[in-house]
N, C-alpha and C. Protein backbone atom coordinates (compact mmCIF):
# COMPACT_ATOMS: atom_id res chain seq x y z
N MET A 1 32.72 -5.17 250.13
CA MET A 1 31.85 -4.58 249.13
C MET A 1 30.72 -3.84 249.85
N ALA A 2 30.41 -2.64 249.41
CA ALA A 2 29.43 -1.79 250.09
C ALA A 2 28.05 -2.43 250.15
N ALA A 3 27.67 -3.23 249.17
CA ALA A 3 26.35 -3.86 249.15
C ALA A 3 26.20 -4.89 250.27
N ASP A 4 27.32 -5.27 250.85
CA ASP A 4 27.30 -6.26 251.92
C ASP A 4 27.09 -5.63 253.30
N LEU A 5 26.99 -4.30 253.35
CA LEU A 5 26.81 -3.58 254.62
C LEU A 5 25.46 -2.88 254.65
N ARG A 6 24.86 -2.82 255.83
CA ARG A 6 23.59 -2.12 256.01
C ARG A 6 23.65 -1.33 257.31
N VAL A 7 23.25 -0.07 257.26
CA VAL A 7 23.15 0.77 258.45
C VAL A 7 21.69 0.96 258.79
N GLY A 8 21.37 0.88 260.06
CA GLY A 8 20.00 1.13 260.51
C GLY A 8 20.00 2.13 261.65
N HIS A 9 18.98 2.97 261.67
CA HIS A 9 18.81 3.95 262.75
C HIS A 9 17.47 3.72 263.41
N GLY A 10 17.43 3.75 264.72
CA GLY A 10 16.18 3.55 265.45
C GLY A 10 15.96 4.63 266.49
N PHE A 11 14.70 4.84 266.81
CA PHE A 11 14.29 5.82 267.82
C PHE A 11 13.11 5.26 268.58
N ASP A 12 13.03 5.57 269.86
CA ASP A 12 11.86 5.22 270.64
C ASP A 12 11.72 6.22 271.78
N VAL A 13 10.49 6.40 272.23
CA VAL A 13 10.21 7.34 273.30
C VAL A 13 9.02 6.84 274.12
N HIS A 14 9.09 7.02 275.43
CA HIS A 14 7.98 6.66 276.33
C HIS A 14 7.90 7.69 277.45
N ARG A 15 6.70 7.92 277.92
CA ARG A 15 6.49 8.80 279.07
C ARG A 15 6.63 7.97 280.34
N PHE A 16 6.94 8.66 281.44
CA PHE A 16 7.02 7.99 282.74
C PHE A 16 5.63 7.71 283.28
N LYS A 17 5.56 6.65 284.10
CA LYS A 17 4.30 6.26 284.72
C LYS A 17 4.60 5.63 286.07
N ARG A 18 3.81 5.98 287.05
CA ARG A 18 3.94 5.37 288.38
C ARG A 18 3.46 3.91 288.32
N GLY A 19 4.03 3.09 289.20
CA GLY A 19 3.59 1.71 289.30
C GLY A 19 4.20 0.78 288.26
N ARG A 20 5.22 1.24 287.54
CA ARG A 20 5.90 0.39 286.55
C ARG A 20 7.39 0.34 286.89
N LYS A 21 8.02 -0.77 286.53
CA LYS A 21 9.47 -0.88 286.68
C LYS A 21 10.14 -0.14 285.53
N LEU A 22 11.31 0.42 285.81
CA LEU A 22 12.10 1.07 284.77
C LEU A 22 13.11 0.04 284.27
N ILE A 23 12.92 -0.39 283.03
CA ILE A 23 13.79 -1.38 282.39
C ILE A 23 14.50 -0.69 281.23
N LEU A 24 15.83 -0.72 281.25
CA LEU A 24 16.63 -0.12 280.18
C LEU A 24 17.70 -1.12 279.73
N GLY A 25 17.67 -1.49 278.48
CA GLY A 25 18.63 -2.45 277.97
C GLY A 25 18.52 -3.80 278.63
N GLY A 26 17.31 -4.13 279.11
CA GLY A 26 17.09 -5.40 279.78
C GLY A 26 17.47 -5.40 281.25
N VAL A 27 17.86 -4.24 281.78
CA VAL A 27 18.29 -4.13 283.18
C VAL A 27 17.26 -3.29 283.94
N GLU A 28 16.87 -3.78 285.11
CA GLU A 28 15.96 -3.00 285.95
C GLU A 28 16.76 -1.93 286.69
N ILE A 29 16.33 -0.69 286.52
CA ILE A 29 16.99 0.45 287.13
C ILE A 29 16.14 0.92 288.31
N PRO A 30 16.72 1.03 289.50
CA PRO A 30 15.92 1.49 290.64
C PRO A 30 15.53 2.97 290.46
N TYR A 31 14.24 3.21 290.37
CA TYR A 31 13.72 4.56 290.18
C TYR A 31 12.24 4.55 290.55
N ALA A 32 11.74 5.68 290.98
CA ALA A 32 10.35 5.77 291.44
C ALA A 32 9.33 5.60 290.31
N LEU A 33 9.77 5.83 289.08
CA LEU A 33 8.87 5.76 287.92
C LEU A 33 9.38 4.75 286.91
N GLY A 34 8.45 4.16 286.19
CA GLY A 34 8.80 3.31 285.07
C GLY A 34 8.32 3.97 283.79
N LEU A 35 8.40 3.26 282.70
CA LEU A 35 7.96 3.81 281.42
C LEU A 35 6.64 3.16 281.01
N ALA A 36 5.73 3.99 280.53
CA ALA A 36 4.42 3.52 280.09
C ALA A 36 4.54 2.87 278.72
N GLY A 37 3.86 1.76 278.53
CA GLY A 37 3.87 1.09 277.24
C GLY A 37 3.14 -0.23 277.32
N HIS A 38 2.87 -0.78 276.14
CA HIS A 38 2.17 -2.07 276.06
C HIS A 38 3.07 -3.20 276.54
N SER A 39 4.34 -3.15 276.15
CA SER A 39 5.32 -4.14 276.59
C SER A 39 5.96 -3.62 277.87
N ASP A 40 7.21 -3.98 278.12
CA ASP A 40 7.92 -3.43 279.28
C ASP A 40 8.43 -2.02 279.02
N ALA A 41 8.24 -1.51 277.81
CA ALA A 41 8.57 -0.12 277.41
C ALA A 41 10.05 0.20 277.54
N ASP A 42 10.90 -0.76 277.26
CA ASP A 42 12.35 -0.58 277.32
C ASP A 42 12.79 0.24 276.11
N VAL A 43 13.00 1.56 276.30
CA VAL A 43 13.33 2.43 275.17
C VAL A 43 14.65 2.05 274.51
N VAL A 44 15.58 1.53 275.29
CA VAL A 44 16.88 1.13 274.72
C VAL A 44 16.69 -0.01 273.74
N LEU A 45 16.02 -1.07 274.17
CA LEU A 45 15.82 -2.21 273.27
C LEU A 45 14.88 -1.86 272.13
N HIS A 46 13.90 -1.01 272.36
CA HIS A 46 12.99 -0.62 271.27
C HIS A 46 13.73 0.16 270.20
N ALA A 47 14.60 1.08 270.60
CA ALA A 47 15.39 1.82 269.61
C ALA A 47 16.32 0.87 268.85
N LEU A 48 16.92 -0.08 269.57
CA LEU A 48 17.80 -1.06 268.95
C LEU A 48 17.03 -1.95 267.97
N ILE A 49 15.85 -2.40 268.35
CA ILE A 49 15.00 -3.19 267.46
C ILE A 49 14.65 -2.39 266.21
N ASN A 50 14.27 -1.13 266.39
CA ASN A 50 13.95 -0.28 265.24
C ASN A 50 15.15 -0.11 264.31
N ALA A 51 16.34 0.01 264.89
CA ALA A 51 17.55 0.14 264.07
C ALA A 51 17.82 -1.14 263.28
N LEU A 52 17.68 -2.28 263.92
CA LEU A 52 17.90 -3.57 263.24
C LEU A 52 16.88 -3.77 262.11
N LEU A 53 15.62 -3.49 262.41
CA LEU A 53 14.59 -3.62 261.38
C LEU A 53 14.84 -2.65 260.23
N GLY A 54 15.28 -1.45 260.56
CA GLY A 54 15.59 -0.47 259.52
C GLY A 54 16.71 -0.93 258.61
N ALA A 55 17.76 -1.49 259.20
CA ALA A 55 18.88 -2.00 258.39
C ALA A 55 18.44 -3.13 257.48
N LEU A 56 17.46 -3.91 257.94
CA LEU A 56 16.94 -5.01 257.12
C LEU A 56 15.90 -4.55 256.10
N GLY A 57 15.43 -3.30 256.24
CA GLY A 57 14.37 -2.80 255.37
C GLY A 57 13.03 -3.46 255.69
N LYS A 58 12.80 -3.73 256.98
CA LYS A 58 11.60 -4.48 257.39
C LYS A 58 10.70 -3.69 258.32
N GLY A 59 10.55 -2.40 258.07
CA GLY A 59 9.59 -1.61 258.84
C GLY A 59 10.08 -1.24 260.22
N ASP A 60 9.15 -1.26 261.19
CA ASP A 60 9.47 -0.83 262.54
C ASP A 60 8.87 -1.78 263.57
N ILE A 61 9.16 -1.51 264.83
CA ILE A 61 8.72 -2.38 265.92
C ILE A 61 7.20 -2.52 265.95
N GLY A 62 6.48 -1.44 265.68
CA GLY A 62 5.02 -1.48 265.73
C GLY A 62 4.40 -2.36 264.66
N SER A 63 5.06 -2.48 263.53
CA SER A 63 4.51 -3.32 262.46
C SER A 63 4.71 -4.81 262.74
N HIS A 64 5.70 -5.14 263.56
CA HIS A 64 5.95 -6.54 263.90
C HIS A 64 5.34 -6.95 265.23
N PHE A 65 5.27 -6.00 266.16
CA PHE A 65 4.77 -6.28 267.51
C PHE A 65 3.76 -5.19 267.90
N PRO A 66 2.60 -5.16 267.26
CA PRO A 66 1.64 -4.07 267.49
C PRO A 66 1.11 -4.02 268.92
N ASP A 67 0.90 -2.80 269.41
CA ASP A 67 0.39 -2.64 270.78
C ASP A 67 -1.09 -2.99 270.89
N THR A 68 -1.68 -3.38 269.79
CA THR A 68 -3.07 -3.85 269.81
C THR A 68 -3.15 -5.37 269.98
N ASP A 69 -2.00 -6.04 269.95
CA ASP A 69 -1.95 -7.49 270.08
C ASP A 69 -1.74 -7.88 271.54
N PRO A 70 -2.69 -8.58 272.14
CA PRO A 70 -2.56 -8.94 273.55
C PRO A 70 -1.37 -9.86 273.86
N ARG A 71 -0.82 -10.51 272.85
CA ARG A 71 0.36 -11.38 273.07
C ARG A 71 1.55 -10.59 273.59
N TYR A 72 1.59 -9.29 273.27
CA TYR A 72 2.75 -8.48 273.63
C TYR A 72 2.53 -7.64 274.88
N LYS A 73 1.38 -7.80 275.53
CA LYS A 73 1.07 -7.05 276.75
C LYS A 73 2.05 -7.43 277.85
N GLY A 74 2.85 -6.47 278.29
CA GLY A 74 3.80 -6.69 279.37
C GLY A 74 5.01 -7.53 279.01
N ILE A 75 5.19 -7.88 277.74
CA ILE A 75 6.28 -8.76 277.33
C ILE A 75 7.64 -8.09 277.52
N SER A 76 8.63 -8.88 277.82
CA SER A 76 10.00 -8.40 277.91
C SER A 76 10.48 -8.04 276.51
N SER A 77 11.03 -6.86 276.36
CA SER A 77 11.56 -6.44 275.06
C SER A 77 12.74 -7.30 274.64
N ALA A 78 13.38 -7.96 275.59
CA ALA A 78 14.46 -8.89 275.24
C ALA A 78 13.93 -10.04 274.38
N LEU A 79 12.70 -10.46 274.62
CA LEU A 79 12.09 -11.51 273.79
C LEU A 79 11.78 -10.99 272.39
N LEU A 80 11.38 -9.74 272.29
CA LEU A 80 11.14 -9.14 270.97
C LEU A 80 12.46 -9.01 270.21
N LEU A 81 13.50 -8.59 270.91
CA LEU A 81 14.83 -8.49 270.29
C LEU A 81 15.28 -9.85 269.77
N GLU A 82 15.03 -10.88 270.54
CA GLU A 82 15.41 -12.24 270.14
C GLU A 82 14.76 -12.59 268.79
N GLN A 83 13.50 -12.25 268.63
CA GLN A 83 12.80 -12.53 267.37
C GLN A 83 13.40 -11.73 266.22
N VAL A 84 13.77 -10.48 266.47
CA VAL A 84 14.36 -9.65 265.42
C VAL A 84 15.75 -10.16 265.06
N LEU A 85 16.51 -10.63 266.04
CA LEU A 85 17.83 -11.19 265.74
C LEU A 85 17.73 -12.44 264.87
N LYS A 86 16.64 -13.20 265.02
CA LYS A 86 16.40 -14.33 264.13
C LYS A 86 16.18 -13.84 262.70
N MET A 87 15.49 -12.72 262.55
CA MET A 87 15.28 -12.14 261.22
C MET A 87 16.61 -11.70 260.61
N VAL A 88 17.50 -11.16 261.44
CA VAL A 88 18.83 -10.75 260.96
C VAL A 88 19.56 -11.97 260.43
N LYS A 89 19.53 -13.05 261.20
CA LYS A 89 20.21 -14.28 260.79
C LYS A 89 19.57 -14.88 259.53
N GLN A 90 18.24 -14.90 259.48
CA GLN A 90 17.54 -15.43 258.30
C GLN A 90 17.87 -14.62 257.04
N GLY A 91 18.13 -13.32 257.22
CA GLY A 91 18.51 -12.47 256.10
C GLY A 91 19.97 -12.61 255.73
N LYS A 92 20.67 -13.53 256.44
CA LYS A 92 22.09 -13.80 256.21
C LYS A 92 22.96 -12.58 256.51
N PHE A 93 22.60 -11.90 257.61
CA PHE A 93 23.39 -10.78 258.11
C PHE A 93 23.87 -11.11 259.51
N ARG A 94 24.88 -10.34 259.94
CA ARG A 94 25.34 -10.39 261.33
C ARG A 94 25.51 -8.95 261.80
N LEU A 95 25.29 -8.75 263.08
CA LEU A 95 25.46 -7.43 263.67
C LEU A 95 26.94 -7.19 263.91
N VAL A 96 27.45 -6.07 263.37
CA VAL A 96 28.85 -5.71 263.55
C VAL A 96 29.00 -4.89 264.83
N ASN A 97 28.19 -3.85 264.97
CA ASN A 97 28.25 -3.04 266.18
C ASN A 97 26.97 -2.22 266.32
N GLY A 98 26.80 -1.66 267.52
CA GLY A 98 25.65 -0.82 267.80
C GLY A 98 26.05 0.34 268.70
N ASP A 99 25.41 1.47 268.50
CA ASP A 99 25.67 2.66 269.29
C ASP A 99 24.32 3.23 269.73
N ILE A 100 24.12 3.35 271.03
CA ILE A 100 22.82 3.73 271.59
C ILE A 100 22.99 4.97 272.46
N THR A 101 22.06 5.91 272.30
CA THR A 101 22.02 7.10 273.15
C THR A 101 20.69 7.16 273.86
N VAL A 102 20.73 7.27 275.18
CA VAL A 102 19.52 7.47 275.98
C VAL A 102 19.41 8.96 276.28
N ILE A 103 18.23 9.50 276.08
CA ILE A 103 17.98 10.92 276.30
C ILE A 103 17.02 11.02 277.49
N ALA A 104 17.56 11.49 278.63
CA ALA A 104 16.75 11.54 279.85
C ALA A 104 17.37 12.54 280.82
N GLU A 105 16.52 13.21 281.54
CA GLU A 105 16.99 14.12 282.58
C GLU A 105 17.33 13.32 283.84
N LYS A 106 16.44 12.38 284.17
CA LYS A 106 16.61 11.50 285.33
C LYS A 106 16.05 10.15 284.98
N PRO A 107 16.51 9.09 285.60
CA PRO A 107 17.59 9.03 286.59
C PRO A 107 18.95 9.14 285.92
N ARG A 108 19.97 9.40 286.72
CA ARG A 108 21.33 9.39 286.19
C ARG A 108 21.68 7.94 285.82
N LEU A 109 22.16 7.75 284.62
CA LEU A 109 22.40 6.39 284.14
C LEU A 109 23.86 5.95 284.22
N ALA A 110 24.76 6.87 284.48
CA ALA A 110 26.19 6.52 284.54
C ALA A 110 26.47 5.34 285.47
N PRO A 111 25.85 5.26 286.65
CA PRO A 111 26.14 4.11 287.53
C PRO A 111 25.68 2.76 286.96
N PHE A 112 24.83 2.78 285.95
CA PHE A 112 24.27 1.53 285.41
C PHE A 112 24.78 1.23 283.99
N ALA A 113 25.57 2.13 283.43
CA ALA A 113 25.98 1.99 282.03
C ALA A 113 26.72 0.69 281.76
N LYS A 114 27.67 0.32 282.62
CA LYS A 114 28.44 -0.90 282.40
C LYS A 114 27.52 -2.13 282.45
N LYS A 115 26.63 -2.17 283.44
CA LYS A 115 25.72 -3.30 283.59
C LYS A 115 24.81 -3.42 282.35
N ILE A 116 24.34 -2.28 281.84
CA ILE A 116 23.48 -2.31 280.64
C ILE A 116 24.28 -2.79 279.44
N ARG A 117 25.52 -2.31 279.28
CA ARG A 117 26.35 -2.75 278.15
C ARG A 117 26.62 -4.24 278.21
N VAL A 118 26.91 -4.75 279.39
CA VAL A 118 27.15 -6.19 279.56
C VAL A 118 25.90 -6.98 279.17
N LYS A 119 24.74 -6.52 279.62
CA LYS A 119 23.48 -7.19 279.29
C LYS A 119 23.23 -7.14 277.78
N LEU A 120 23.43 -5.97 277.17
CA LEU A 120 23.23 -5.84 275.72
C LEU A 120 24.17 -6.77 274.96
N ALA A 121 25.43 -6.80 275.36
CA ALA A 121 26.39 -7.68 274.68
C ALA A 121 25.94 -9.13 274.77
N GLY A 122 25.42 -9.53 275.92
CA GLY A 122 24.92 -10.89 276.06
C GLY A 122 23.71 -11.16 275.19
N LEU A 123 22.76 -10.22 275.18
CA LEU A 123 21.57 -10.40 274.34
C LEU A 123 21.92 -10.46 272.86
N LEU A 124 22.91 -9.66 272.47
CA LEU A 124 23.30 -9.57 271.06
C LEU A 124 24.39 -10.56 270.68
N LYS A 125 24.93 -11.25 271.66
CA LYS A 125 26.02 -12.21 271.46
C LYS A 125 27.22 -11.56 270.76
N LEU A 126 27.60 -10.40 271.32
CA LEU A 126 28.73 -9.62 270.80
C LEU A 126 29.69 -9.28 271.93
N PRO A 127 30.97 -9.05 271.61
CA PRO A 127 31.87 -8.53 272.63
C PRO A 127 31.37 -7.15 273.09
N ARG A 128 31.55 -6.86 274.38
CA ARG A 128 31.04 -5.61 274.94
C ARG A 128 31.57 -4.37 274.22
N GLN A 129 32.80 -4.44 273.70
CA GLN A 129 33.38 -3.27 273.05
C GLN A 129 32.68 -2.94 271.71
N ARG A 130 31.82 -3.82 271.24
CA ARG A 130 31.08 -3.54 269.99
C ARG A 130 29.71 -2.91 270.26
N ILE A 131 29.40 -2.71 271.52
CA ILE A 131 28.15 -2.05 271.89
C ILE A 131 28.50 -0.82 272.72
N ASN A 132 28.05 0.33 272.27
CA ASN A 132 28.30 1.57 273.01
C ASN A 132 26.98 2.10 273.55
N LEU A 133 27.04 2.64 274.75
CA LEU A 133 25.87 3.23 275.37
C LEU A 133 26.27 4.55 275.98
N LYS A 134 25.49 5.57 275.70
CA LYS A 134 25.73 6.86 276.32
C LYS A 134 24.40 7.47 276.72
N ALA A 135 24.47 8.38 277.67
CA ALA A 135 23.25 9.06 278.13
C ALA A 135 23.49 10.56 278.07
N VAL A 136 22.48 11.27 277.62
CA VAL A 136 22.54 12.73 277.55
C VAL A 136 21.27 13.29 278.16
N THR A 137 21.34 14.55 278.55
CA THR A 137 20.14 15.25 279.03
C THR A 137 19.74 16.27 277.98
N THR A 138 18.60 16.87 278.19
CA THR A 138 18.17 17.98 277.32
C THR A 138 18.35 19.31 278.04
N GLU A 139 19.13 19.28 279.13
CA GLU A 139 19.42 20.47 279.93
C GLU A 139 18.15 21.20 280.34
N GLY A 140 17.16 20.42 280.72
CA GLY A 140 15.92 20.97 281.23
C GLY A 140 14.93 21.42 280.17
N LEU A 141 15.26 21.24 278.91
CA LEU A 141 14.39 21.70 277.83
C LEU A 141 13.38 20.63 277.44
N GLY A 142 12.18 21.05 277.08
CA GLY A 142 11.16 20.14 276.57
C GLY A 142 10.59 19.21 277.63
N TRP A 143 9.71 18.31 277.18
CA TRP A 143 9.04 17.42 278.12
C TRP A 143 9.99 16.40 278.73
N ILE A 144 11.05 16.01 278.01
CA ILE A 144 12.05 15.12 278.61
C ILE A 144 12.80 15.87 279.70
N GLY A 145 13.18 17.10 279.41
CA GLY A 145 13.86 17.93 280.38
C GLY A 145 13.03 18.21 281.62
N GLN A 146 11.72 18.17 281.48
CA GLN A 146 10.82 18.38 282.60
C GLN A 146 10.61 17.08 283.39
N GLY A 147 11.28 16.00 282.97
CA GLY A 147 11.20 14.74 283.69
C GLY A 147 9.95 13.95 283.42
N LYS A 148 9.32 14.16 282.27
CA LYS A 148 8.07 13.46 281.95
C LYS A 148 8.27 12.15 281.21
N GLY A 149 9.50 11.86 280.79
CA GLY A 149 9.76 10.62 280.06
C GLY A 149 11.18 10.56 279.57
N MET A 150 11.45 9.62 278.69
CA MET A 150 12.78 9.48 278.11
C MET A 150 12.69 8.91 276.70
N ALA A 151 13.78 9.05 275.98
CA ALA A 151 13.86 8.56 274.61
C ALA A 151 15.22 7.88 274.42
N ALA A 152 15.34 7.18 273.31
CA ALA A 152 16.62 6.56 272.96
C ALA A 152 16.74 6.50 271.45
N THR A 153 17.97 6.62 270.98
CA THR A 153 18.28 6.42 269.57
C THR A 153 19.31 5.30 269.48
N ALA A 154 19.34 4.63 268.35
CA ALA A 154 20.32 3.56 268.13
C ALA A 154 20.73 3.55 266.67
N VAL A 155 21.99 3.25 266.45
CA VAL A 155 22.53 3.04 265.11
C VAL A 155 23.23 1.70 265.11
N VAL A 156 22.97 0.90 264.08
CA VAL A 156 23.62 -0.41 263.97
C VAL A 156 24.24 -0.57 262.59
N LEU A 157 25.24 -1.43 262.53
CA LEU A 157 25.84 -1.82 261.27
C LEU A 157 25.70 -3.33 261.13
N LEU A 158 25.09 -3.75 260.02
CA LEU A 158 24.98 -5.17 259.71
C LEU A 158 25.89 -5.47 258.54
N ALA A 159 26.44 -6.67 258.52
CA ALA A 159 27.26 -7.14 257.40
C ALA A 159 26.72 -8.48 256.95
N LYS A 160 26.77 -8.71 255.64
CA LYS A 160 26.37 -10.01 255.10
C LYS A 160 27.30 -11.08 255.65
N THR A 161 26.72 -12.21 256.01
CA THR A 161 27.57 -13.30 256.48
C THR A 161 28.24 -13.94 255.27
N ARG A 162 29.42 -14.42 255.46
CA ARG A 162 30.17 -15.04 254.36
C ARG A 162 29.76 -16.48 254.21
N ARG A 163 29.69 -16.93 252.98
CA ARG A 163 29.39 -18.34 252.72
C ARG A 163 30.60 -19.19 253.04
N ARG A 164 30.33 -20.35 253.58
CA ARG A 164 31.44 -21.30 253.83
C ARG A 164 31.67 -22.11 252.57
N ARG A 165 32.93 -22.31 252.27
CA ARG A 165 33.27 -23.07 251.05
C ARG A 165 33.61 -24.47 251.36
């Protein structure tokens, strides 16, 4: 039944900053720059969190984990995702699949894609084939193309959990 399904779309963007680790999908990527943000600034997990919250009709990451709250200073986005997954379960939904796109000129993410997918599958407690990750460039256009930062989008499908009889 269509009412038992929910689609959510998420987006996140951060500029690069020296002196920070680059964390994507919970994986540290070796690179000279990290992403600026109140938390670890993981654009992959932030987009995924926004997609999950959107599917639940529960606002966005900033409304649940504001950057004005010192509790979230430097926090791992994996911990934020864990809290959102509890909300999914409390709403009697389960994640069916997720599709994530990272938009960045550099670094090249192809060498890390499998490791990120494995990490995401573990965080989401899903088979790896239900999580897709891809990376695209802007072909040198705009501030992302100039290497000033990166963005990510995510789409998720939630389904109502079935009652046990």
